Amino acid sequence: MWYTSTRGMAPRVNFEGALFSGYAPDGGLYMPEELPRLDKETLRHWSTLSYRSLVKELCALFVGLELIPRHDLNGLIDQAFSRFRHRDVVHLCKLKNGLNILELWHGVTYAFKDLSLSCTAQFLQYFLEKKKKHVTIVVGTSGDTGSAAIESVQGSKNVDIIVLLPKGHCSKIQELQMTTVVKENVHVFGVEGNSDELDEPIKAVFADVAFVQRHNLMSLNSINWSRVLVQMAHHFFAYFQCTPSLDMHLLPTVEVVVPTGAGGNLAAGCIAQKMGLPISLVVAVNRNDIIHRTVQKGDFSLCEVVRKTLASAMDIQVPYNMERIFWLLAGSDSQTTRALMEQFERTQSLHLPKDLHSKLSEAVTSESVSDEAITQTMGRCWEENQYLLCPHSATAVSYHYQQTDSGQPSIPRCCLAPASAVKFPEAVQAAGLTPETPAEILALEHKETRCTPMRRGDDWTQMLRDTIEALSLRWKGCVENTAE
């Protein structure tokens, strides 16, 4: 399996190359050159598999068994999921009035990102140990990515991780899950800015290709193909759990409602659709509604400010995975995609060509959900089911309630739940409900913390470069000491 940049100006790479790269050298994102088409018999067979086994099947298709033999691949995925609290890894909760919630948050940090990052970290370690190499991972986070990335690599001898978090824009628990990991290979910065602002120094560092290569830099944000790959399993599992039967001639359609910020889960769903999975996608966003405006009107343009909402991990203005979706729907046309994205980067404003907007609105519908609707949905779900939603999951369930209240007949629907309510006690209280906080979360309050400030007026890019250079020197010293 070969991977190509969405902008078409970089050499193609294999899975290992895409895994270690993040952005392609031309600023694009890696996508498979060709997508396998799954026939009905394959889908029927896959419908009998566990979530864990679905991840194995998908990874076998996209990794390449010459890179990771199947026996090794199976072992890496089993290891990745070994610390999940639920024996099935993910769990479908069937509630009243056709409300199906796929809980993706049974990993260590109570967020869906544990699923893809635990696998990605295993793949990284596999290649690094074979080549006796070191990497420095740089991650910008709006809340959940940072803690899941830290958890997946903390204590690793050949990986350092640098995380930039937006100070005051995450929930207190999200922040503590990052700042209380005081391992030697974990380096957390608290940025006086929002999640889009902290992406700027990261992008500036990755734009210096010689610097990236010299220091073996990589990213674990959802620009990384490996994360999108694992997230495809959410859609297959949701489909198989919610479809009434696969025995009919025409396979039934299931609607999958995807809360999203940067669009990684949505890109995964669009790829699954292209592979032949009969799902209808609905994207749910908060008041930071660039994806909603793009789907509804073709308006892929920045607003003046990022609005702070209860669904804080989705407080994002630049959903970079939309580039993958544009490329996919434009028939892998990298020239068109490059022109569109370069215009967006230059002007921060883009109106999609009519044919591309038409294809997008055929593939995806959308909803933008206010804080008021989020708290109302959380309250209603508790009242009807005694089930606590996190504010991000509530954006998806809000769409479900809109549809059922309208009285329209509908196909089976599955709402993806990206995080547990235990991470967002402030939002739970805002909904007039009582938070349920596990002992391990409460214990975070009493742990030692470590976080370096990046203040307004500091040169964030230079601070990042200096940290990376210091880590490279330390690794070089370790290797020389070992050799002696």
Protein backbone atom coordinates (compact mmCIF):
# COMPACT_ATOMS: atom_id res chain seq x y z
CA MET A 1 0.00 0.00 0.00
CA TRP A 2 1.40 3.35 -1.10
CA TYR A 3 0.47 6.79 0.22
CA THR A 4 0.40 10.05 -1.68
CA SER A 5 0.14 13.66 -0.57
CA THR A 6 -3.19 15.41 -1.08
CA ARG A 7 -1.19 18.21 -2.78
CA GLY A 8 0.63 15.91 -5.20
CA MET A 9 4.11 17.47 -4.94
CA ALA A 10 5.80 14.97 -2.60
CA PRO A 11 7.17 11.49 -3.33
CA ARG A 12 4.87 8.62 -2.45
CA VAL A 13 5.67 6.70 0.75
CA ASN A 14 4.72 3.40 2.38
CA PHE A 15 2.85 3.11 5.70
CA GLU A 16 6.04 3.56 7.73
CA GLY A 17 6.83 6.76 5.82
CA ALA A 18 3.32 8.14 6.37
CA LEU A 19 3.39 7.16 10.06
CA PHE A 20 6.62 9.07 10.76
CA SER A 21 5.80 12.12 8.64
CA GLY A 22 2.64 13.87 9.80
CA TYR A 23 2.45 16.56 7.12
CA ALA A 24 3.90 15.65 3.73
CA PRO A 25 6.89 17.80 2.64
CA ASP A 26 4.59 19.80 0.30
CA GLY A 27 2.27 20.71 3.20
CA GLY A 28 -0.37 18.15 2.24
CA LEU A 29 -1.72 15.16 4.15
CA TYR A 30 -1.06 11.53 3.26
CA MET A 31 -3.84 9.38 1.80
CA PRO A 32 -3.80 5.87 0.30
CA GLU A 33 -3.19 5.94 -3.46
CA GLU A 34 -6.00 3.43 -3.88
CA LEU A 35 -8.82 2.39 -1.57
CA PRO A 36 -9.82 -1.28 -1.45
CA ARG A 37 -13.50 -1.89 -2.30
CA LEU A 38 -15.22 -4.27 0.11
CA ASP A 39 -17.81 -6.63 -1.36
CA LYS A 40 -20.96 -7.83 0.42
CA GLU A 41 -19.36 -11.12 1.45
CA THR A 42 -16.45 -9.31 3.16
CA LEU A 43 -18.88 -7.00 4.97
CA ARG A 44 -21.00 -9.98 6.08
CA HIS A 45 -17.88 -11.71 7.43
CA TRP A 46 -16.66 -8.55 9.17
CA SER A 47 -20.09 -8.12 10.78
CA THR A 48 -19.31 -11.11 13.01
CA LEU A 49 -16.02 -9.64 14.28
CA SER A 50 -15.22 -7.86 17.54
CA TYR A 51 -14.02 -4.24 17.47
CA ARG A 52 -10.47 -5.45 18.17
CA SER A 53 -10.62 -7.85 15.20
CA LEU A 54 -12.03 -5.15 12.91
CA VAL A 55 -9.04 -2.94 13.72
CA LYS A 56 -6.74 -5.86 12.83
CA GLU A 57 -8.48 -6.43 9.48
CA LEU A 58 -8.38 -2.75 8.53
CA CYS A 59 -4.74 -2.35 9.56
CA ALA A 60 -3.79 -5.49 7.59
CA LEU A 61 -5.29 -3.85 4.46
CA PHE A 62 -3.50 -0.51 4.90
CA VAL A 63 -0.18 -1.26 6.66
CA GLY A 64 1.32 -3.84 4.32
CA LEU A 65 2.26 -7.26 5.71
CA GLU A 66 5.80 -6.90 4.31
CA LEU A 67 6.27 -4.07 6.86
CA ILE A 68 4.51 -5.67 9.83
CA PRO A 69 3.74 -9.40 9.43
CA ARG A 70 0.18 -10.36 10.46
CA HIS A 71 1.24 -12.20 13.63
CA ASP A 72 3.21 -9.14 14.80
CA LEU A 73 0.39 -6.79 13.80
CA ASN A 74 -2.16 -8.77 15.83
CA GLY A 75 0.16 -8.71 18.85
CA LEU A 76 0.69 -4.92 18.60
CA ILE A 77 -3.06 -4.25 18.49
CA ASP A 78 -3.74 -6.62 21.41
CA GLN A 79 -1.05 -4.79 23.39
CA ALA A 80 -2.51 -1.40 22.42
CA PHE A 81 -5.91 -2.32 23.85
CA SER A 82 -4.63 -4.21 26.91
CA ARG A 83 -5.29 -1.34 29.35
CA PHE A 84 -8.84 -0.51 28.24
CA ARG A 85 -11.45 -0.75 30.98
CA HIS A 86 -14.12 -2.49 28.87
CA ARG A 87 -13.45 -6.05 27.73
CA ASP A 88 -14.92 -5.24 24.28
CA VAL A 89 -12.73 -2.08 24.03
CA VAL A 90 -15.73 -0.04 22.80
CA HIS A 91 -19.36 -0.51 23.84
CA LEU A 92 -22.73 0.19 22.21
CA CYS A 93 -25.31 1.52 24.65
CA LYS A 94 -28.94 1.12 23.45
CA LEU A 95 -31.18 3.70 25.13
CA LYS A 96 -34.82 4.77 24.79
CA ASN A 97 -36.44 5.84 21.50
CA GLY A 98 -33.80 4.39 19.19
CA LEU A 99 -30.88 6.26 20.77
CA ASN A 100 -27.71 4.23 20.14
CA ILE A 101 -24.50 5.57 21.67
CA LEU A 102 -21.16 4.04 20.74
CA GLU A 103 -18.89 4.63 23.74
CA LEU A 104 -15.38 5.21 22.41
CA TRP A 105 -13.98 6.33 25.76
CA HIS A 106 -12.99 3.23 27.72
CA GLY A 107 -9.24 3.88 27.45
CA VAL A 108 -6.94 5.25 30.14
CA THR A 109 -7.73 8.95 29.52
CA TYR A 110 -11.51 8.46 29.02
CA ALA A 111 -11.45 9.75 25.41
CA PHE A 112 -11.76 8.19 21.93
CA LYS A 113 -8.23 9.26 21.06
CA ASP A 114 -6.90 6.46 23.28
CA LEU A 115 -8.09 4.02 20.59
CA SER A 116 -6.05 5.36 17.68
CA LEU A 117 -3.09 6.66 19.68
CA SER A 118 -2.49 3.42 21.59
CA CYS A 119 -2.24 1.57 18.24
CA THR A 120 -0.14 4.31 16.63
CA ALA A 121 2.31 4.25 19.55
CA GLN A 122 2.70 0.47 19.17
CA PHE A 123 3.46 0.84 15.45
CA LEU A 124 6.02 3.56 16.23
CA GLN A 125 7.80 1.46 18.85
CA TYR A 126 7.88 -1.51 16.46
CA PHE A 127 9.74 0.43 13.75
CA LEU A 128 11.96 2.40 16.17
CA GLU A 129 13.17 -0.71 17.99
CA LYS A 130 13.99 -2.45 14.71
CA LYS A 131 16.07 0.54 13.56
CA LYS A 132 17.41 1.66 16.98
CA LYS A 133 16.14 5.20 16.25
CA HIS A 134 14.73 8.05 18.35
CA VAL A 135 11.86 10.42 17.49
CA THR A 136 10.52 13.59 19.03
CA ILE A 137 6.74 13.86 18.79
CA VAL A 138 5.23 17.36 18.74
CA VAL A 139 1.52 17.63 19.50
CA GLY A 140 -0.86 20.58 19.68
CA THR A 141 -4.01 19.76 21.62
CA SER A 142 -7.44 21.24 22.21
CA GLY A 143 -7.89 18.87 25.15
CA ASP A 144 -7.93 15.10 24.59
CA THR A 145 -5.17 14.46 22.02
CA GLY A 146 -2.40 15.61 24.38
CA SER A 147 -3.28 13.35 27.29
CA ALA A 148 -3.91 10.32 25.05
CA ALA A 149 -0.62 10.88 23.18
CA ILE A 150 1.31 11.28 26.45
CA GLU A 151 -0.29 8.14 27.87
CA SER A 152 0.58 6.12 24.77
CA VAL A 153 4.35 6.89 24.87
CA GLN A 154 5.19 7.94 28.47
CA GLY A 155 8.35 6.25 29.72
CA SER A 156 9.44 5.10 26.23
CA LYS A 157 13.21 5.22 25.92
CA ASN A 158 13.35 6.12 22.22
CA VAL A 159 10.49 8.66 22.11
CA ASP A 160 10.27 12.18 23.53
CA ILE A 161 6.93 13.97 23.40
CA ILE A 162 6.31 17.73 23.44
CA VAL A 163 2.70 18.83 24.01
CA LEU A 164 1.36 22.36 23.60
CA LEU A 165 -1.93 22.88 25.46
CA PRO A 166 -4.12 26.03 25.37
CA LYS A 167 -3.97 27.30 28.95
CA GLY A 168 -7.45 27.93 30.31
CA HIS A 169 -9.18 26.46 27.22
CA CYS A 170 -9.22 22.79 28.36
CA SER A 171 -11.23 21.38 31.23
CA LYS A 172 -9.30 21.19 34.51
CA ILE A 173 -9.22 17.37 34.33
CA GLN A 174 -7.91 17.40 30.75
CA GLU A 175 -5.10 19.74 31.79
CA LEU A 176 -4.20 17.66 34.86
CA GLN A 177 -4.07 14.48 32.78
CA MET A 178 -1.20 16.12 30.89
CA THR A 179 0.63 18.16 33.53
CA THR A 180 0.75 15.37 36.16
CA VAL A 181 2.80 13.03 33.95
CA VAL A 182 6.29 13.94 35.14
CA LYS A 183 8.22 11.34 33.15
CA GLU A 184 11.61 12.26 31.69
CA ASN A 185 10.39 11.93 28.09
CA VAL A 186 7.24 14.12 28.57
CA HIS A 187 7.47 17.91 28.04
CA VAL A 188 4.28 19.99 28.42
CA PHE A 189 3.90 23.68 27.52
CA GLY A 190 0.95 25.82 28.59
CA VAL A 191 0.28 28.33 25.80
CA GLU A 192 -1.44 31.68 26.37
CA GLY A 193 -3.63 31.22 23.31
CA ASN A 194 -6.28 28.96 21.77
CA SER A 195 -5.74 25.65 19.97
CA ASP A 196 -5.54 27.26 16.52
CA GLU A 197 -2.91 29.77 17.72
CA LEU A 198 -0.71 27.06 19.24
CA ASP A 199 -0.79 25.15 15.92
CA GLU A 200 1.11 28.05 14.28
CA PRO A 201 4.57 27.40 15.87
CA ILE A 202 4.12 23.67 15.23
CA LYS A 203 3.37 24.26 11.57
CA ALA A 204 6.33 26.69 11.35
CA VAL A 205 8.71 24.07 12.78
CA PHE A 206 7.41 21.33 10.46
CA ALA A 207 7.77 23.66 7.44
CA ASP A 208 11.57 23.54 7.96
CA VAL A 209 12.11 20.16 6.27
CA ALA A 210 15.86 20.01 7.02
CA PHE A 211 15.19 20.68 10.74
CA VAL A 212 12.45 18.02 10.82
CA GLN A 213 14.76 15.42 9.25
CA ARG A 214 17.75 16.35 11.41
CA HIS A 215 15.79 15.89 14.63
CA ASN A 216 13.45 13.05 13.54
CA LEU A 217 10.31 15.07 14.27
CA MET A 218 6.79 13.77 13.87
CA SER A 219 3.25 14.68 14.88
CA LEU A 220 0.52 12.57 16.46
CA ASN A 221 -2.34 14.98 15.74
CA SER A 222 -5.05 13.60 13.48
CA ILE A 223 -2.97 14.78 10.52
CA ASN A 224 -1.23 11.42 11.12
CA TRP A 225 -2.68 8.81 8.77
CA SER A 226 -2.35 6.01 11.35
CA ARG A 227 -4.93 7.71 13.57
CA VAL A 228 -7.45 8.10 10.75
CA LEU A 229 -6.91 4.44 9.82
CA VAL A 230 -7.80 3.13 13.29
CA GLN A 231 -10.77 5.52 13.52
CA MET A 232 -12.29 3.89 10.44
CA ALA A 233 -13.08 0.92 12.70
CA HIS A 234 -15.55 3.10 14.69
CA HIS A 235 -17.73 3.42 11.61
CA PHE A 236 -17.61 -0.26 10.65
CA PHE A 237 -18.39 -1.35 14.21
CA ALA A 238 -21.22 1.22 14.54
CA TYR A 239 -22.71 -0.05 11.28
CA PHE A 240 -22.56 -3.72 12.21
CA GLN A 241 -23.96 -3.11 15.70
CA CYS A 242 -26.92 -1.05 14.48
CA THR A 243 -27.91 -2.65 11.19
CA PRO A 244 -30.98 -4.89 11.48
CA SER A 245 -29.68 -7.55 9.05
CA LEU A 246 -27.09 -8.13 6.34
CA ASP A 247 -29.08 -10.93 4.70
CA MET A 248 -31.04 -8.77 2.26
CA HIS A 249 -30.01 -8.18 -1.36
CA LEU A 250 -29.44 -4.43 -0.84
CA LEU A 251 -27.48 -3.78 2.35
CA PRO A 252 -29.37 -1.40 4.70
CA THR A 253 -28.01 2.08 5.48
CA VAL A 254 -27.13 3.25 9.00
CA GLU A 255 -26.76 6.94 9.90
CA VAL A 256 -23.60 7.66 11.91
CA VAL A 257 -23.53 10.99 13.79
CA VAL A 258 -19.98 12.23 14.29
CA PRO A 259 -19.08 15.03 16.75
CA THR A 260 -15.94 16.64 15.36
CA GLY A 261 -13.36 19.39 15.71
CA ALA A 262 -10.41 18.79 13.39
CA GLY A 263 -12.38 16.31 11.26
CA GLY A 264 -10.33 13.11 11.75
CA ASN A 265 -13.34 10.93 12.64
CA LEU A 266 -15.28 12.47 9.77
CA ALA A 267 -12.47 11.77 7.28
CA ALA A 268 -12.38 8.17 8.54
CA GLY A 269 -16.13 7.87 7.90
CA CYS A 270 -15.84 9.30 4.37
CA ILE A 271 -13.10 6.76 3.55
CA ALA A 272 -15.24 3.91 4.96
CA GLN A 273 -18.11 5.12 2.72
CA LYS A 274 -15.81 5.07 -0.33
CA MET A 275 -14.76 1.51 0.56
CA GLY A 276 -18.38 0.42 0.30
CA LEU A 277 -19.73 0.72 3.86
CA PRO A 278 -23.39 1.82 3.51
CA ILE A 279 -23.40 4.62 6.07
CA SER A 280 -24.91 8.06 5.92
CA LEU A 281 -22.74 10.60 7.76
CA VAL A 282 -23.91 13.50 9.91
CA VAL A 283 -21.28 15.82 11.35
CA ALA A 284 -22.13 17.61 14.61
CA VAL A 285 -20.15 20.69 15.63
CA ASN A 286 -20.48 23.35 18.30
CA ARG A 287 -20.69 27.10 17.60
CA ASN A 288 -17.26 26.94 15.90
CA ASP A 289 -19.08 25.94 12.75
CA ILE A 290 -16.68 26.06 9.81
CA ILE A 291 -17.44 22.43 8.85
CA HIS A 292 -21.21 23.06 9.11
CA ARG A 293 -20.92 26.17 6.89
CA THR A 294 -18.79 24.21 4.41
CA VAL A 295 -21.35 21.39 4.15
CA GLN A 296 -24.36 23.73 4.00
CA LYS A 297 -23.04 26.55 1.81
CA GLY A 298 -19.56 25.61 0.58
CA ASP A 299 -18.15 28.37 2.81
CA PHE A 300 -14.76 27.15 4.13
CA SER A 301 -13.75 30.43 5.80
CA LEU A 302 -12.42 31.40 9.20
CA CYS A 303 -14.46 33.45 11.65
CA GLU A 304 -12.75 36.33 13.43
CA VAL A 305 -12.40 34.41 16.71
CA VAL A 306 -12.65 30.92 18.16
CA ARG A 307 -15.71 30.85 20.39
CA LYS A 308 -15.30 29.22 23.80
CA THR A 309 -17.97 26.53 24.28
CA LEU A 310 -18.85 23.70 26.67
CA ALA A 311 -17.63 21.23 24.03
CA SER A 312 -14.11 22.65 24.37
CA ALA A 313 -12.20 19.94 22.48
CA MET A 314 -14.16 21.02 19.38
CA ASP A 315 -13.29 24.74 19.76
CA ILE A 316 -11.35 24.67 16.51
CA GLN A 317 -11.39 26.99 13.50
CA VAL A 318 -9.08 25.08 11.16
CA PRO A 319 -10.34 21.50 10.66
CA TYR A 320 -7.28 20.31 8.75
CA ASN A 321 -8.72 16.87 7.88
CA MET A 322 -11.20 18.56 5.54
CA GLU A 323 -8.26 18.62 3.10
CA ARG A 324 -8.40 14.80 3.02
CA ILE A 325 -12.16 14.91 2.40
CA PHE A 326 -11.83 17.49 -0.41
CA TRP A 327 -9.15 15.32 -2.08
CA LEU A 328 -11.26 12.16 -1.72
CA LEU A 329 -14.43 13.76 -3.10
CA ALA A 330 -12.50 15.51 -5.91
CA GLY A 331 -11.52 12.05 -7.21
CA SER A 332 -7.96 12.19 -5.81
CA ASP A 333 -7.32 15.41 -7.77
CA SER A 334 -4.24 16.78 -6.00
CA GLN A 335 -3.92 19.79 -8.33
CA THR A 336 -7.41 21.05 -7.38
CA THR A 337 -6.84 20.26 -3.69
CA ARG A 338 -3.49 22.09 -3.66
CA ALA A 339 -5.00 25.19 -5.31
CA LEU A 340 -7.91 25.23 -2.84
CA MET A 341 -5.75 24.78 0.27
CA GLU A 342 -3.13 27.30 -0.84
CA GLN A 343 -5.91 29.85 -1.40
CA PHE A 344 -7.31 29.07 2.08
CA GLU A 345 -3.87 29.45 3.69
CA ARG A 346 -3.29 32.72 1.85
CA THR A 347 -6.69 34.37 2.43
CA GLN A 348 -8.25 32.29 5.25
CA SER A 349 -11.33 32.17 3.06
CA LEU A 350 -12.49 29.72 0.43
CA HIS A 351 -15.72 29.03 -1.44
CA LEU A 352 -15.82 25.46 -2.70
CA PRO A 353 -16.33 24.88 -6.43
CA LYS A 354 -19.97 23.96 -7.13
CA ASP A 355 -19.27 20.33 -8.09
CA LEU A 356 -17.12 19.69 -4.99
CA HIS A 357 -19.71 21.28 -2.69
CA SER A 358 -22.39 19.14 -4.32
CA LYS A 359 -20.37 15.94 -3.68
CA LEU A 360 -19.70 16.99 -0.06
CA SER A 361 -23.37 17.66 0.69
CA GLU A 362 -24.26 14.26 -0.85
CA ALA A 363 -21.73 12.49 1.39
CA VAL A 364 -22.35 14.42 4.63
CA THR A 365 -25.10 16.38 6.37
CA SER A 366 -24.36 18.67 9.31
CA GLU A 367 -25.64 20.36 12.44
CA SER A 368 -24.25 23.19 14.60
CA VAL A 369 -25.23 22.94 18.26
CA SER A 370 -25.34 25.79 20.79
CA ASP A 371 -24.25 25.53 24.45
CA GLU A 372 -27.92 25.84 25.41
CA ALA A 373 -28.84 22.86 23.21
CA ILE A 374 -25.88 20.90 24.65
CA THR A 375 -27.04 21.37 28.28
CA GLN A 376 -30.68 20.68 27.34
CA THR A 377 -29.63 17.45 25.61
CA MET A 378 -27.49 16.38 28.58
CA GLY A 379 -30.45 17.03 30.91
CA ARG A 380 -32.96 15.20 28.71
CA CYS A 381 -30.71 12.15 28.24
CA TRP A 382 -30.27 11.91 32.02
CA GLU A 383 -33.99 12.33 32.64
CA GLU A 384 -34.99 9.68 30.10
CA ASN A 385 -32.16 7.18 30.60
CA GLN A 386 -30.15 8.10 33.73
CA TYR A 387 -27.22 8.35 31.33
CA LEU A 388 -24.61 11.14 31.59
CA LEU A 389 -23.35 12.53 28.29
CA CYS A 390 -20.18 14.54 27.83
CA PRO A 391 -20.83 17.88 26.05
CA HIS A 392 -19.21 16.64 22.81
CA SER A 393 -21.37 13.50 22.70
CA ALA A 394 -24.35 15.76 23.41
CA THR A 395 -23.87 17.54 20.06
CA ALA A 396 -24.56 14.21 18.31
CA VAL A 397 -27.47 13.26 20.58
CA SER A 398 -28.98 16.74 20.10
CA TYR A 399 -29.24 15.94 16.37
CA HIS A 400 -30.88 12.58 17.23
CA TYR A 401 -33.50 14.30 19.40
CA GLN A 402 -34.23 16.83 16.64
CA GLN A 403 -34.91 14.02 14.21
CA THR A 404 -37.09 11.93 16.56
CA ASP A 405 -39.05 14.98 17.74
CA SER A 406 -39.89 15.87 14.14
CA GLY A 407 -41.76 12.57 13.85
CA GLN A 408 -40.08 11.70 10.53
CA PRO A 409 -39.46 7.96 9.96
CA SER A 410 -35.73 7.33 9.94
CA ILE A 411 -33.11 4.70 9.31
CA PRO A 412 -31.15 3.22 12.26
CA ARG A 413 -28.81 5.82 13.78
CA CYS A 414 -25.64 5.60 15.88
CA CYS A 415 -24.20 8.57 17.81
CA LEU A 416 -20.45 8.40 18.40
CA ALA A 417 -19.50 9.34 21.99
CA PRO A 418 -15.92 10.65 21.93
CA ALA A 419 -15.42 11.20 25.67
CA SER A 420 -16.80 10.30 29.08
CA ALA A 421 -18.76 12.85 31.10
CA VAL A 422 -16.27 12.32 33.97
CA LYS A 423 -13.79 14.59 32.11
CA PHE A 424 -16.21 17.52 32.01
CA PRO A 425 -17.71 18.10 35.48
CA GLU A 426 -18.09 21.82 34.73
CA ALA A 427 -20.37 21.07 31.76
CA VAL A 428 -22.30 18.44 33.75
CA GLN A 429 -22.95 21.05 36.46
CA ALA A 430 -23.94 23.63 33.82
CA ALA A 431 -26.63 21.13 32.74
CA GLY A 432 -27.94 21.04 36.33
CA LEU A 433 -26.64 17.51 36.89
CA THR A 434 -24.30 15.94 39.41
CA PRO A 435 -20.85 14.87 38.14
CA GLU A 436 -19.65 11.32 38.79
CA THR A 437 -15.90 11.38 39.33
CA PRO A 438 -13.86 8.14 39.63
CA ALA A 439 -11.18 7.93 42.32
CA GLU A 440 -8.34 7.91 39.77
CA ILE A 441 -9.56 11.26 38.37
CA LEU A 442 -9.95 12.78 41.85
CA ALA A 443 -6.38 11.69 42.65
CA LEU A 444 -5.03 13.96 39.88
CA GLU A 445 -5.71 17.00 42.11
CA HIS A 446 -3.03 15.86 44.57
CA LYS A 447 -0.28 14.93 42.12
CA GLU A 448 2.85 16.91 41.31
CA THR A 449 2.50 18.93 38.08
CA ARG A 450 5.01 20.14 35.50
CA CYS A 451 4.21 22.65 32.75
CA THR A 452 6.37 25.32 31.06
CA PRO A 453 4.52 28.55 30.18
CA MET A 454 4.52 30.00 26.64
CA ARG A 455 3.42 33.59 27.23
CA ARG A 456 2.10 36.21 24.84
CA GLY A 457 5.15 38.08 23.58
CA ASP A 458 7.42 35.00 23.77
CA ASP A 459 8.77 33.58 20.52
CA TRP A 460 6.87 30.28 20.62
CA THR A 461 8.52 28.89 17.49
CA GLN A 462 12.02 29.55 18.87
CA MET A 463 11.09 28.02 22.26
CA LEU A 464 9.90 24.91 20.44
CA ARG A 465 13.04 24.68 18.31
CA ASP A 466 15.29 25.12 21.35
CA THR A 467 13.49 22.32 23.22
CA ILE A 468 13.74 19.97 20.24
CA GLU A 469 17.49 20.67 19.81
CA ALA A 470 18.13 20.04 23.52
CA LEU A 471 16.30 16.68 23.34
CA SER A 472 18.29 15.63 20.27
CA LEU A 473 21.55 16.46 22.06
CA ARG A 474 20.46 14.44 25.09
CA TRP A 475 19.59 11.41 22.94
CA LYS A 476 22.92 11.69 21.12
CA GLY A 477 24.69 11.73 24.50
CA CYS A 478 22.77 8.64 25.65
CA VAL A 479 23.72 6.74 22.47
CA GLU A 480 27.39 7.70 22.82
CA ASN A 481 27.42 6.65 26.49
CA THR A 482 25.84 3.30 25.59
CA ALA A 483 28.41 2.76 22.83
CA GLU A 484 31.26 3.36 25.29
